[in-house]
C-alpha atoms as a PDB file:
ATOM      1  CA  MET A   1      60.510 170.447  76.548  1.00  0.00           C
ATOM      2  CA  GLY A   2      63.247 168.616  78.095  1.00  0.00           C
ATOM      3  CA  PHE A   3      64.759 165.014  76.611  1.00  0.00           C
ATOM      4  CA  GLY A   4      62.527 162.976  79.383  1.00  0.00           C
ATOM      5  CA  LYS A   5      59.568 164.693  78.783  1.00  0.00           C
ATOM      6  CA  LYS A   6      60.058 164.646  75.321  1.00  0.00           C
ATOM      7  CA  LEU A   7      61.306 160.774  75.279  1.00  0.00           C
ATOM      8  CA  LEU A   8      58.417 159.574  77.723  1.00  0.00           C
ATOM      9  CA  ALA A   9      55.666 161.292  75.566  1.00  0.00           C
ATOM     10  CA  ALA A  10      57.201 159.452  72.101  1.00  0.00           C
ATOM     11  CA  GLY A  11      57.346 156.038  74.588  1.00  0.00           C
ATOM     12  CA  ALA A  12      53.440 156.136  75.180  1.00  0.00           C
ATOM     13  CA  VAL A  13      52.837 156.759  71.781  1.00  0.00           C
ATOM     14  CA  ALA A  14      55.431 153.634  70.516  1.00  0.00           C
ATOM     15  CA  ALA A  15      53.689 151.450  73.736  1.00  0.00           C
ATOM     16  CA  GLY A  16      50.292 151.459  71.302  1.00  0.00           C
ATOM     17  CA  ALA A  17      53.005 150.091  68.049  1.00  0.00           C
ATOM     18  CA  GLY A  18      53.876 147.360  69.885  1.00  0.00           C
ATOM     19  CA  VAL A  19      55.995 145.241  67.591  1.00  0.00           C
ATOM     20  CA  LEU A  20      57.123 148.069  65.859  1.00  0.00           C
ATOM     21  CA  ALA A  21      58.712 149.684  68.889  1.00  0.00           C
ATOM     22  CA  ILE A  22      60.620 146.482  70.644  1.00  0.00           C
ATOM     23  CA  ALA A  23      62.125 145.783  66.929  1.00  0.00           C
ATOM     24  CA  PRO A  24      66.021 145.352  67.321  1.00  0.00           C
ATOM     25  CA  ARG A  25      68.334 146.659  64.554  1.00  0.00           C
ATOM     26  CA  PRO A  26      67.453 145.383  61.575  1.00  0.00           C
ATOM     27  CA  GLY A  27      69.642 142.174  59.779  1.00  0.00           C
ATOM     28  CA  PHE A  28      70.266 144.347  57.045  1.00  0.00           C
ATOM     29  CA  ASP A  29      71.890 147.087  58.834  1.00  0.00           C
ATOM     30  CA  LYS A  30      73.961 144.541  60.767  1.00  0.00           C
ATOM     31  CA  SER A  31      75.422 143.077  57.909  1.00  0.00           C
ATOM     32  CA  ARG A  32      75.939 146.841  56.039  1.00  0.00           C
ATOM     33  CA  HIS A  33      78.018 147.839  59.090  1.00  0.00           C
ATOM     34  CA  ASN A  34      79.590 144.460  59.677  1.00  0.00           C
ATOM     35  CA  VAL A  35      78.684 144.372  63.019  1.00  0.00           C
ATOM     36  CA  PRO A  36      80.002 141.562  65.199  1.00  0.00           C
ATOM     37  CA  GLY A  37      78.478 139.799  67.989  1.00  0.00           C
ATOM     38  CA  ILE A  38      78.729 139.476  71.392  1.00  0.00           C
ATOM     39  CA  LEU A  39      80.950 136.953  72.293  1.00  0.00           C
ATOM     40  CA  ASP A  40      79.504 133.401  73.783  1.00  0.00           C
ATOM     41  CA  VAL A  41      81.638 133.890  77.025  1.00  0.00           C
ATOM     42  CA  PRO A  42      80.639 134.405  80.667  1.00  0.00           C
ATOM     43  CA  TYR A  43      80.739 138.243  81.641  1.00  0.00           C
ATOM     44  CA  ALA A  44      82.319 138.587  85.381  1.00  0.00           C
ATOM     45  CA  HIS A  45      79.908 141.898  87.289  1.00  0.00           C
ATOM     46  CA  ARG A  46      81.902 145.008  87.883  1.00  0.00           C
ATOM     47  CA  GLY A  47      85.210 142.373  86.854  1.00  0.00           C
ATOM     48  CA  LEU A  48      86.388 139.626  89.130  1.00  0.00           C
ATOM     49  CA  HIS A  49      85.620 140.868  93.056  1.00  0.00           C
ATOM     50  CA  ASP A  50      85.965 139.650  96.512  1.00  0.00           C
ATOM     51  CA  ALA A  51      84.410 142.397  97.693  1.00  0.00           C
ATOM     52  CA  GLY A  52      81.241 144.971  96.638  1.00  0.00           C
ATOM     53  CA  SER A  53      78.508 144.091  94.350  1.00  0.00           C
ATOM     54  CA  GLY A  54      76.426 140.799  94.915  1.00  0.00           C
ATOM     55  CA  LEU A  55      77.864 139.408  98.242  1.00  0.00           C
ATOM     56  CA  VAL A  56      75.648 139.882 100.210  1.00  0.00           C
ATOM     57  CA  ALA A  57      72.696 137.128 102.477  1.00  0.00           C
ATOM     58  CA  GLY A  58      71.601 133.944 100.935  1.00  0.00           C
ATOM     59  CA  TYR A  59      74.645 133.733  98.428  1.00  0.00           C
ATOM     60  CA  GLU A  60      76.988 131.800 100.897  1.00  0.00           C
ATOM     61  CA  GLN A  61      76.760 128.701  99.283  1.00  0.00           C
ATOM     62  CA  GLU A  62      78.998 129.618  96.668  1.00  0.00           C
ATOM     63  CA  SER A  63      80.081 132.609  97.265  1.00  0.00           C
ATOM     64  CA  GLY A  64      83.087 131.769  99.072  1.00  0.00           C
ATOM     65  CA  ASP A  65      84.380 130.121  96.045  1.00  0.00           C
ATOM     66  CA  TYR A  66      83.993 132.889  94.146  1.00  0.00           C
ATOM     67  CA  VAL A  67      85.491 135.549  96.144  1.00  0.00           C
ATOM     68  CA  ALA A  68      88.469 132.786  96.672  1.00  0.00           C
ATOM     69  CA  LEU A  69      88.798 132.601  92.930  1.00  0.00           C
ATOM     70  CA  ALA A  70      88.687 136.368  92.439  1.00  0.00           C
ATOM     71  CA  ARG A  71      91.709 136.559  95.009  1.00  0.00           C
ATOM     72  CA  LYS A  72      93.562 133.981  93.367  1.00  0.00           C
ATOM     73  CA  MET A  73      93.647 135.787  89.346  1.00  0.00           C
ATOM     74  CA  ALA A  74      94.624 139.473  91.651  1.00  0.00           C
ATOM     75  CA  VAL A  75      97.302 137.771  92.833  1.00  0.00           C
ATOM     76  CA  LYS A  76      98.405 136.038  89.565  1.00  0.00           C
ATOM     77  CA  ALA A  77      97.949 139.155  87.608  1.00  0.00           C
ATOM     78  CA  GLY A  78     100.724 141.002  90.269  1.00  0.00           C
ATOM     79  CA  TYR A  79      97.667 142.943  92.728  1.00  0.00           C
ATOM     80  CA  GLY A  80      98.229 142.244  96.263  1.00  0.00           C
ATOM     81  CA  SER A  81      99.101 138.736  98.521  1.00  0.00           C
ATOM     82  CA  ALA A  82      97.548 135.638  99.078  1.00  0.00           C
ATOM     83  CA  ASP A  83      98.133 137.046 103.002  1.00  0.00           C
ATOM     84  CA  PHE A  84      96.631 140.486 102.573  1.00  0.00           C
ATOM     85  CA  ALA A  85      93.972 140.424 104.780  1.00  0.00           C
ATOM     86  CA  GLY A  86      91.691 142.953 103.090  1.00  0.00           C
ATOM     87  CA  SER A  87      90.150 143.255  99.341  1.00  0.00           C
ATOM     88  CA  ILE A  88      92.607 142.992  96.911  1.00  0.00           C
ATOM     89  CA  ALA A  89      90.497 143.402  94.201  1.00  0.00           C
ATOM     90  CA  PRO A  90      87.056 145.146  94.885  1.00  0.00           C
ATOM     91  CA  GLU A  91      84.492 145.928  92.807  1.00  0.00           C
ATOM     92  CA  ASN A  92      84.957 148.196  89.434  1.00  0.00           C
ATOM     93  CA  SER A  93      89.069 147.932  90.731  1.00  0.00           C
ATOM     94  CA  LEU A  94      92.018 147.224  87.845  1.00  0.00           C
ATOM     95  CA  ALA A  95      92.896 144.496  90.361  1.00  0.00           C
ATOM     96  CA  SER A  96      89.099 142.578  89.545  1.00  0.00           C
ATOM     97  CA  PHE A  97      89.758 143.355  86.212  1.00  0.00           C
ATOM     98  CA  ALA A  98      93.058 141.702  86.011  1.00  0.00           C
ATOM     99  CA  ALA A  99      91.859 138.670  87.461  1.00  0.00           C
ATOM    100  CA  ALA A 100      88.869 138.619  84.913  1.00  0.00           C
ATOM    101  CA  ARG A 101      91.428 138.471  82.658  1.00  0.00           C
ATOM    102  CA  GLU A 102      93.469 135.720  84.317  1.00  0.00           C
ATOM    103  CA  ALA A 103      89.942 133.904  84.954  1.00  0.00           C
ATOM    104  CA  GLY A 104      89.110 134.013  81.266  1.00  0.00           C
ATOM    105  CA  TYR A 105      85.829 135.808  81.741  1.00  0.00           C
ATOM    106  CA  GLY A 106      84.367 138.824  79.957  1.00  0.00           C
ATOM    107  CA  ILE A 107      83.829 142.384  81.914  1.00  0.00           C
ATOM    108  CA  GLU A 108      81.486 144.414  82.154  1.00  0.00           C
ATOM    109  CA  LEU A 109      81.909 147.728  83.405  1.00  0.00           C
ATOM    110  CA  ASP A 110      80.708 151.219  83.772  1.00  0.00           C
ATOM    111  CA  LEU A 111      81.450 154.431  82.993  1.00  0.00           C
ATOM    112  CA  GLN A 112      80.909 158.210  85.022  1.00  0.00           C
ATOM    113  CA  LEU A 113      82.420 161.621  84.716  1.00  0.00           C
ATOM    114  CA  THR A 114      84.673 163.009  87.157  1.00  0.00           C
ATOM    115  CA  ALA A 115      84.381 167.253  88.315  1.00  0.00           C
ATOM    116  CA  ASP A 116      87.376 167.833  86.012  1.00  0.00           C
ATOM    117  CA  GLY A 117      86.126 165.948  82.829  1.00  0.00           C
ATOM    118  CA  GLN A 118      88.122 162.265  83.325  1.00  0.00           C
ATOM    119  CA  VAL A 119      86.379 159.212  82.304  1.00  0.00           C
ATOM    120  CA  VAL A 120      86.137 156.585  85.082  1.00  0.00           C
ATOM    121  CA  VAL A 121      84.940 153.568  86.012  1.00  0.00           C
ATOM    122  CA  VAL A 122      82.465 153.106  88.866  1.00  0.00           C
ATOM    123  CA  HIS A 123      78.936 151.916  89.484  1.00  0.00           C
ATOM    124  CA  ASP A 124      77.136 153.826  92.118  1.00  0.00           C
ATOM    125  CA  ALA A 125      77.148 158.134  91.522  1.00  0.00           C
ATOM    126  CA  ASP A 126      78.634 158.313  95.117  1.00  0.00           C
ATOM    127  CA  LEU A 127      81.265 156.678  97.090  1.00  0.00           C
ATOM    128  CA  GLU A 128      79.150 155.646  99.754  1.00  0.00           C
ATOM    129  CA  ARG A 129      78.598 151.956  99.860  1.00  0.00           C
ATOM    130  CA  VAL A 130      82.253 151.222  97.876  1.00  0.00           C
ATOM    131  CA  ALA A 131      84.017 153.619 100.034  1.00  0.00           C
ATOM    132  CA  GLY A 132      82.777 154.630 102.596  1.00  0.00           C
ATOM    133  CA  ASP A 133      82.444 158.361 101.561  1.00  0.00           C
ATOM    134  CA  PRO A 134      79.461 160.083 100.823  1.00  0.00           C
ATOM    135  CA  ARG A 135      80.726 162.232  97.710  1.00  0.00           C
ATOM    136  CA  ARG A 136      79.610 162.232  94.528  1.00  0.00           C
ATOM    137  CA  ILE A 137      82.114 160.753  91.764  1.00  0.00           C
ATOM    138  CA  ALA A 138      80.628 164.582  89.656  1.00  0.00           C
ATOM    139  CA  ASP A 139      82.039 165.906  92.054  1.00  0.00           C
ATOM    140  CA  LEU A 140      85.430 164.862  93.137  1.00  0.00           C
ATOM    141  CA  THR A 141      88.470 164.837  90.651  1.00  0.00           C
ATOM    142  CA  TYR A 142      90.470 162.131  89.337  1.00  0.00           C
ATOM    143  CA  ASN A 143      93.291 163.181  91.831  1.00  0.00           C
ATOM    144  CA  GLU A 144      91.046 163.161  95.250  1.00  0.00           C
ATOM    145  CA  LEU A 145      89.835 159.903  93.208  1.00  0.00           C
ATOM    146  CA  THR A 146      93.110 158.153  94.043  1.00  0.00           C
ATOM    147  CA  ARG A 147      93.288 158.969  97.424  1.00  0.00           C
ATOM    148  CA  ILE A 148      90.343 156.937  98.033  1.00  0.00           C
ATOM    149  CA  PRO A 149      90.564 153.647  99.304  1.00  0.00           C
ATOM    150  CA  LEU A 150      87.510 151.060  98.030  1.00  0.00           C
ATOM    151  CA  PHE A 151      87.008 148.498 100.939  1.00  0.00           C
ATOM    152  CA  PRO A 152      89.469 149.841 102.913  1.00  0.00           C
ATOM    153  CA  ALA A 153      90.243 148.547 106.735  1.00  0.00           C
ATOM    154  CA  PRO A 154      88.306 147.032 108.572  1.00  0.00           C
ATOM    155  CA  ALA A 155      86.660 145.797 105.011  1.00  0.00           C
ATOM    156  CA  LYS A 156      87.666 141.924 104.230  1.00  0.00           C
ATOM    157  CA  PRO A 157      86.894 139.858 101.807  1.00  0.00           C
ATOM    158  CA  GLY A 158      83.432 139.088 101.093  1.00  0.00           C
ATOM    159  CA  ASP A 159      81.759 142.257 102.024  1.00  0.00           C
ATOM    160  CA  ALA A 160      79.689 143.929 100.112  1.00  0.00           C
ATOM    161  CA  VAL A 161      79.422 147.288 101.746  1.00  0.00           C
ATOM    162  CA  ALA A 162      82.169 149.118 103.365  1.00  0.00           C
ATOM    163  CA  LYS A 163      82.118 150.766 106.537  1.00  0.00           C
ATOM    164  CA  PRO A 164      81.232 154.668 106.810  1.00  0.00           C
ATOM    165  CA  LEU A 165      84.379 156.945 107.647  1.00  0.00           C
ATOM    166  CA  ASP A 166      84.807 158.988 109.882  1.00  0.00           C
ATOM    167  CA  ALA A 167      86.082 161.824 107.680  1.00  0.00           C
ATOM    168  CA  ALA A 168      87.433 162.400 104.540  1.00  0.00           C
ATOM    169  CA  ALA A 169      91.512 161.323 104.320  1.00  0.00           C
ATOM    170  CA  ALA A 170      93.831 164.629 103.004  1.00  0.00           C
ATOM    171  CA  SER A 171      96.475 162.038 101.357  1.00  0.00           C
ATOM    172  CA  ALA A 172      96.415 158.780 100.379  1.00  0.00           C
ATOM    173  CA  PRO A 173      96.931 155.336 102.512  1.00  0.00           C
ATOM    174  CA  GLU A 174     100.030 153.968 103.004  1.00  0.00           C
ATOM    175  CA  GLY A 175     100.299 150.232 101.850  1.00  0.00           C
ATOM    176  CA  TYR A 176      97.929 148.282  99.083  1.00  0.00           C
ATOM    177  CA  TYR A 177      94.635 149.830  98.224  1.00  0.00           C
ATOM    178  CA  GLN A 178      92.459 149.682  94.908  1.00  0.00           C
ATOM    179  CA  HIS A 179      90.706 152.722  93.991  1.00  0.00           C
ATOM    180  CA  VAL A 180      88.604 154.603  91.199  1.00  0.00           C
ATOM    181  CA  PRO A 181      90.368 153.948  88.131  1.00  0.00           C
ATOM    182  CA  LEU A 182      90.917 155.781  84.241  1.00  0.00           C
ATOM    183  CA  PHE A 183      88.470 153.869  81.774  1.00  0.00           C
ATOM    184  CA  SER A 184      91.968 154.359  79.881  1.00  0.00           C
ATOM    185  CA  ASP A 185      93.764 152.402  82.352  1.00  0.00           C
ATOM    186  CA  VAL A 186      91.315 149.246  82.723  1.00  0.00           C
ATOM    187  CA  LEU A 187      91.845 149.509  78.635  1.00  0.00           C
ATOM    188  CA  LYS A 188      95.600 148.869  78.920  1.00  0.00           C
ATOM    189  CA  GLU A 189      95.406 146.234  81.903  1.00  0.00           C
ATOM    190  CA  VAL A 190      91.991 144.330  79.238  1.00  0.00           C
ATOM    191  CA  ARG A 191      94.958 144.630  76.249  1.00  0.00           C
ATOM    192  CA  GLY A 192      91.910 143.308  74.403  1.00  0.00           C
ATOM    193  CA  HIS A 193      92.575 139.847  76.197  1.00  0.00           C
ATOM    194  CA  VAL A 194      88.986 139.106  77.054  1.00  0.00           C
ATOM    195  CA  PRO A 195      85.500 141.010  76.231  1.00  0.00           C
ATOM    196  CA  LEU A 196      83.902 144.240  77.254  1.00  0.00           C
ATOM    197  CA  ILE A 197      80.219 145.283  77.839  1.00  0.00           C
ATOM    198  CA  VAL A 198      80.608 148.412  78.323  1.00  0.00           C
ATOM    199  CA  GLU A 199      77.420 150.729  80.167  1.00  0.00           C
ATOM    200  CA  TYR A 200      77.553 154.120  80.056  1.00  0.00           C
ATOM    201  CA  LYS A 201      76.206 155.427  83.386  1.00  0.00           C
ATOM    202  CA  PHE A 202      73.206 158.391  83.745  1.00  0.00           C
ATOM    203  CA  ASN A 203      71.248 159.914  86.616  1.00  0.00           C
ATOM    204  CA  GLY A 204      67.821 159.075  85.032  1.00  0.00           C
ATOM    205  CA  PHE A 205      66.993 159.801  81.393  1.00  0.00           C
ATOM    206  CA  ASP A 206      67.512 163.678  81.285  1.00  0.00           C
ATOM    207  CA  TRP A 207      70.071 164.771  79.197  1.00  0.00           C
ATOM    208  CA  SER A 208      72.365 167.448  79.644  1.00  0.00           C
ATOM    209  CA  ASP A 209      76.113 168.780  77.948  1.00  0.00           C
ATOM    210  CA  ARG A 210      77.676 166.648  80.621  1.00  0.00           C
ATOM    211  CA  ASP A 211      76.246 163.379  79.333  1.00  0.00           C
ATOM    212  CA  ASP A 212      77.073 164.956  75.550  1.00  0.00           C
ATOM    213  CA  GLU A 213      80.611 164.500  77.371  1.00  0.00           C
ATOM    214  CA  LEU A 214      80.941 161.451  78.659  1.00  0.00           C
ATOM    215  CA  MET A 215      79.579 159.813  75.467  1.00  0.00           C
ATOM    216  CA  GLU A 216      82.158 161.663  73.573  1.00  0.00           C
ATOM    217  CA  LYS A 217      85.257 160.550  75.557  1.00  0.00           C
ATOM    218  CA  GLY A 218      84.785 157.330  76.411  1.00  0.00           C
ATOM    219  CA  ASP A 219      84.228 156.740  72.744  1.00  0.00           C
ATOM    220  CA  ALA A 220      87.061 158.290  72.073  1.00  0.00           C
ATOM    221  CA  LEU A 221      88.966 155.778  74.440  1.00  0.00           C
ATOM    222  CA  LEU A 222      87.631 152.980  72.683  1.00  0.00           C
ATOM    223  CA  ARG A 223      87.802 153.956  69.416  1.00  0.00           C
ATOM    224  CA  ALA A 224      91.445 153.370  70.417  1.00  0.00           C
ATOM    225  CA  TYR A 225      90.947 150.600  71.830  1.00  0.00           C
ATOM    226  CA  ASP A 226      92.383 147.047  70.044  1.00  0.00           C
ATOM    227  CA  GLY A 227      89.803 144.611  71.316  1.00  0.00           C
ATOM    228  CA  PRO A 228      86.282 143.515  71.342  1.00  0.00           C
ATOM    229  CA  TYR A 229      83.984 145.240  73.124  1.00  0.00           C
ATOM    230  CA  VAL A 230      80.034 145.766  72.712  1.00  0.00           C
ATOM    231  CA  ILE A 231      78.086 149.547  74.552  1.00  0.00           C
ATOM    232  CA  GLU A 232      74.760 149.290  76.805  1.00  0.00           C
ATOM    233  CA  SER A 233      72.590 151.468  79.131  1.00  0.00           C
ATOM    234  CA  PHE A 234      69.571 152.543  80.615  1.00  0.00           C
ATOM    235  CA  HIS A 235      69.447 155.355  78.774  1.00  0.00           C
ATOM    236  CA  PRO A 236      67.938 155.408  75.467  1.00  0.00           C
ATOM    237  CA  GLY A 237      69.232 157.984  74.286  1.00  0.00           C
ATOM    238  CA  ALA A 238      73.152 156.818  74.738  1.00  0.00           C
ATOM    239  CA  VAL A 239      72.811 154.040  72.911  1.00  0.00           C
ATOM    240  CA  ASN A 240      70.548 156.125  70.290  1.00  0.00           C
ATOM    241  CA  TRP A 241      74.044 158.024  70.192  1.00  0.00           C
ATOM    242  CA  TYR A 242      75.712 155.148  68.984  1.00  0.00           C
ATOM    243  CA  LYS A 243      73.238 154.078  66.361  1.00  0.00           C
ATOM    244  CA  GLN A 244      73.989 157.597  64.917  1.00  0.00           C
ATOM    245  CA  ASN A 245      77.324 158.132  65.210  1.00  0.00           C
ATOM    246  CA  ARG A 246      78.537 154.917  65.183  1.00  0.00           C
ATOM    247  CA  PRO A 247      76.276 152.726  63.314  1.00  0.00           C
ATOM    248  CA  GLU A 248      79.161 149.964  63.441  1.00  0.00           C
ATOM    249  CA  VAL A 249      79.452 149.092  66.919  1.00  0.00           C
ATOM    250  CA  ASN A 250      77.297 146.643  68.413  1.00  0.00           C
ATOM    251  CA  ARG A 251      74.737 148.472  70.967  1.00  0.00           C
ATOM    252  CA  GLY A 252      72.775 147.005  73.843  1.00  0.00           C
ATOM    253  CA  GLN A 253      69.489 148.161  75.742  1.00  0.00           C
ATOM    254  CA  LEU A 254      69.176 147.553  78.952  1.00  0.00           C
ATOM    255  CA  ALA A 255      65.976 146.839  81.036  1.00  0.00           C
ATOM    256  CA  ASP A 256      64.251 145.604  84.148  1.00  0.00           C
ATOM    257  CA  THR A 257      60.614 145.671  84.626  1.00  0.00           C
ATOM    258  CA  ALA A 258      58.948 148.426  86.869  1.00  0.00           C
ATOM    259  CA  SER A 259      56.132 148.493  88.349  1.00  0.00           C
ATOM    260  CA  PHE A 260      53.546 151.730  86.837  1.00  0.00           C
ATOM    261  CA  GLY A 261      53.465 154.359  88.223  1.00  0.00           C
ATOM    262  CA  THR A 262      51.267 158.674  86.993  1.00  0.00           C
ATOM    263  CA  ASP A 263      54.748 160.595  87.697  1.00  0.00           C
ATOM    264  CA  LYS A 264      57.270 161.099  85.201  1.00  0.00           C
ATOM    265  CA  LYS A 265      60.215 159.278  86.250  1.00  0.00           C
ATOM    266  CA  ALA A 266      57.604 155.951  87.268  1.00  0.00           C
ATOM    267  CA  ALA A 267      55.877 156.473  83.999  1.00  0.00           C
ATOM    268  CA  THR A 268      59.262 156.296  82.222  1.00  0.00           C
ATOM    269  CA  GLU A 269      61.175 153.419  84.093  1.00  0.00           C
ATOM    270  CA  TRP A 270      57.754 151.371  83.501  1.00  0.00           C
ATOM    271  CA  LEU A 271      57.878 151.786  79.963  1.00  0.00           C
ATOM    272  CA  ALA A 272      61.825 151.389  79.203  1.00  0.00           C
ATOM    273  CA  GLY A 273      60.719 148.137  81.256  1.00  0.00           C
ATOM    274  CA  LEU A 274      58.707 147.426  78.184  1.00  0.00           C
ATOM    275  CA  LEU A 275      60.874 148.286  75.834  1.00  0.00           C
ATOM    276  CA  ALA A 276      59.169 150.715  74.885  1.00  0.00           C
ATOM    277  CA  PHE A 277      61.910 153.045  73.890  1.00  0.00           C
ATOM    278  CA  ASP A 278      64.149 150.367  71.582  1.00  0.00           C
ATOM    279  CA  TRP A 279      62.324 152.294  68.575  1.00  0.00           C
ATOM    280  CA  LEU A 280      65.120 155.278  69.409  1.00  0.00           C
ATOM    281  CA  SER A 281      67.745 153.315  69.584  1.00  0.00           C
ATOM    282  CA  ARG A 282      66.977 149.903  67.472  1.00  0.00           C
ATOM    283  CA  PRO A 283      69.465 147.739  69.215  1.00  0.00           C
ATOM    284  CA  ASP A 284      71.525 145.057  68.856  1.00  0.00           C
ATOM    285  CA  PHE A 285      70.841 143.366  71.508  1.00  0.00           C
ATOM    286  CA  ILE A 286      68.897 143.545  75.594  1.00  0.00           C
ATOM    287  CA  ALA A 287      70.131 142.841  78.360  1.00  0.00           C
ATOM    288  CA  TYR A 288      67.601 142.120  81.054  1.00  0.00           C
ATOM    289  CA  ASP A 289      67.229 141.695  85.007  1.00  0.00           C
ATOM    290  CA  TRP A 290      67.223 137.703  84.833  1.00  0.00           C
ATOM    291  CA  HIS A 291      63.825 137.517  86.506  1.00  0.00           C
ATOM    292  CA  GLY A 292      62.170 139.201  83.286  1.00  0.00           C
ATOM    293  CA  GLY A 293      63.403 136.755  80.713  1.00  0.00           C
ATOM    294  CA  ASP A 294      60.405 135.433  80.096  1.00  0.00           C
ATOM    295  CA  SER A 295      58.460 138.035  79.715  1.00  0.00           C
ATOM    296  CA  PRO A 296      56.115 138.844  76.416  1.00  0.00           C
ATOM    297  CA  GLN A 297      58.384 141.610  75.869  1.00  0.00           C
ATOM    298  CA  VAL A 298      62.210 140.023  76.132  1.00  0.00           C
ATOM    299  CA  ARG A 299      60.403 137.473  74.125  1.00  0.00           C
ATOM    300  CA  LEU A 300      59.161 139.335  71.603  1.00  0.00           C
ATOM    301  CA  ALA A 301      62.523 141.277  70.805  1.00  0.00           C
ATOM    302  CA  ARG A 302      64.596 138.006  71.125  1.00  0.00           C
ATOM    303  CA  ALA A 303      61.953 136.428  68.510  1.00  0.00           C
ATOM    304  CA  MET A 304      62.328 139.624  66.172  1.00  0.00           C
ATOM    305  CA  GLY A 305      66.431 138.422  66.303  1.00  0.00           C
ATOM    306  CA  ALA A 306      67.854 140.480  69.071  1.00  0.00           C
ATOM    307  CA  THR A 307      70.424 138.955  71.390  1.00  0.00           C
ATOM    308  CA  THR A 308      69.251 138.606  74.989  1.00  0.00           C
ATOM    309  CA  VAL A 309      71.331 139.126  78.294  1.00  0.00           C
ATOM    310  CA  SER A 310      70.921 138.426  81.736  1.00  0.00           C
ATOM    311  CA  TRP A 311      71.997 140.572  85.030  1.00  0.00           C
ATOM    312  CA  THR A 312      73.231 139.767  86.890  1.00  0.00           C
ATOM    313  CA  VAL A 313      73.073 135.748  87.811  1.00  0.00           C
ATOM    314  CA  ARG A 314      74.393 135.409  91.116  1.00  0.00           C
ATOM    315  CA  SER A 315      74.367 131.393  91.348  1.00  0.00           C
ATOM    316  CA  SER A 316      74.262 128.073  89.535  1.00  0.00           C
ATOM    317  CA  ALA A 317      70.257 127.518  90.493  1.00  0.00           C
ATOM    318  CA  GLU A 318      69.637 131.375  88.511  1.00  0.00           C
ATOM    319  CA  LEU A 319      71.598 130.804  85.902  1.00  0.00           C
ATOM    320  CA  GLU A 320      69.881 127.464  84.988  1.00  0.00           C
ATOM    321  CA  GLU A 321      66.449 128.900  85.515  1.00  0.00           C
ATOM    322  CA  SER A 322      67.161 131.894  83.217  1.00  0.00           C
ATOM    323  CA  ALA A 323      69.290 130.296  80.614  1.00  0.00           C
ATOM    324  CA  PRO A 324      66.039 128.794  78.702  1.00  0.00           C
ATOM    325  CA  HIS A 325      65.396 133.028  77.847  1.00  0.00           C
ATOM    326  CA  PHE A 326      69.062 134.276  77.373  1.00  0.00           C
ATOM    327  CA  ASP A 327      71.912 133.870  74.743  1.00  0.00           C
ATOM    328  CA  ARG A 328      74.904 135.515  77.207  1.00  0.00           C
ATOM    329  CA  PHE A 329      74.993 136.058  80.798  1.00  0.00           C
ATOM    330  CA  ILE A 330      76.681 138.405  82.848  1.00  0.00           C
ATOM    331  CA  PHE A 331      77.597 136.702  86.841  1.00  0.00           C
ATOM    332  CA  GLU A 332      78.711 137.495  90.319  1.00  0.00           C
ATOM    333  CA  ALA A 333      78.963 135.428  93.394  1.00  0.00           C
ATOM    334  CA  PHE A 334      79.270 132.123  91.851  1.00  0.00           C
ATOM    335  CA  VAL A 335      81.712 130.578  89.431  1.00  0.00           C
ATOM    336  CA  PRO A 336      80.171 129.633  86.494  1.00  0.00           C
ATOM    337  CA  SER A 337      80.339 125.512  86.691  1.00  0.00           C
ATOM    338  CA  ARG A 338      79.831 124.919  82.543  1.00  0.00           C
ATOM    339  CA  TYR A 339      82.382 127.306  81.783  1.00  0.00           C
END
């Protein structure tokens, strides 16, 4: 039986156990391992970016100021120039992380492996949305990624999706651009000045040797890093990896609500949304879609000691609505006014 099937079966049993399934790591275990808390700052989703995630219809009232701040902070950090017409700090780029650092925001980011086993920071499994290139991260070497600009022309500041490319470029374009960065370079850019929420990305709920490789290589970089961070993942196996191998690290379970389904994938997502796999990872915090903050499972986990983190808040109104249910928040597309 594969890991995903085992997880599904165990989750069904745990869901019936209710409270025991949802319980976070107990306080005595946190004390024994001297686990740090999540620092109380706003966390910029995929960095403070001027193109990419969240810059969509419906948020125009506040997103303009957000994009302007991202560009201003990126230029202050030495990236691009104020008169550059294109994107200076696209999502999950060195420039976006430098911009967040300059603004004093924490940073949320995503880890994946390249074809040659390099740990890079990128959210999607492919480059379609952020570069107009349909190729998958897992099929590209890091050297190839350095030649693929994020949100290339004709993309402009405030764009959420890059235009499709006619063909993959054989060489790097001339002039200023940002590309998918190495995680090691991101850590050098941040230099411990602001806290990080590091998400390990996976394709579904199965597990392979390549997933072990991501965990081991990502953690090796974090072990050598001198700065505050916590880790999170939608995959309870990744959170459990930290439970087993690095109990001193603050670990979080990512989740959101999902509709019930009878196939394996839908049923697993539904159980994960109920936090039915928390028995496996015993997380320190729950990172939940902000719309579900008032759900019974999130309220119960919080009552039992889990820190709650909302994602992804995209307006002042959403922050006000979700704030009573969450202790920390991950944001984009607006500038939090209370900070």
